[in-house]
Amino acid sequence: MIRLLHLHADEVEMLERLDDGFPEEDHVGIPSDQLTAAQVRAWEALWQDGLADYTEGRHGTMWLRLTERGRELKTKGSVL
């Protein structure tokens, strides 16, 4: 089980940044080139836990976004 209160502050900040408020089907994410190296490391930690994902876009741009599991953690405070 992952609890929101066990994440590092930078990971919680990344959860907030990746959640644009749109429903999953309309959620695009943010391009990875707009993040600092520290923010990318926070995203990678979320990705390893299945809380974030990426999609490759045009010109090799990687779009980073929350998964349903990441949205659930943000909303409920914990996920299995």
Foldseek 3Di string as FASTA:
>chain_A
DDFPVPQDPLLNVLLVQQCPPDPPVPRFAAWPVVDDPVNVVSLVVCVVVQQKDWDQDPPRTIGIHGDVQVVCCVVVRDDD
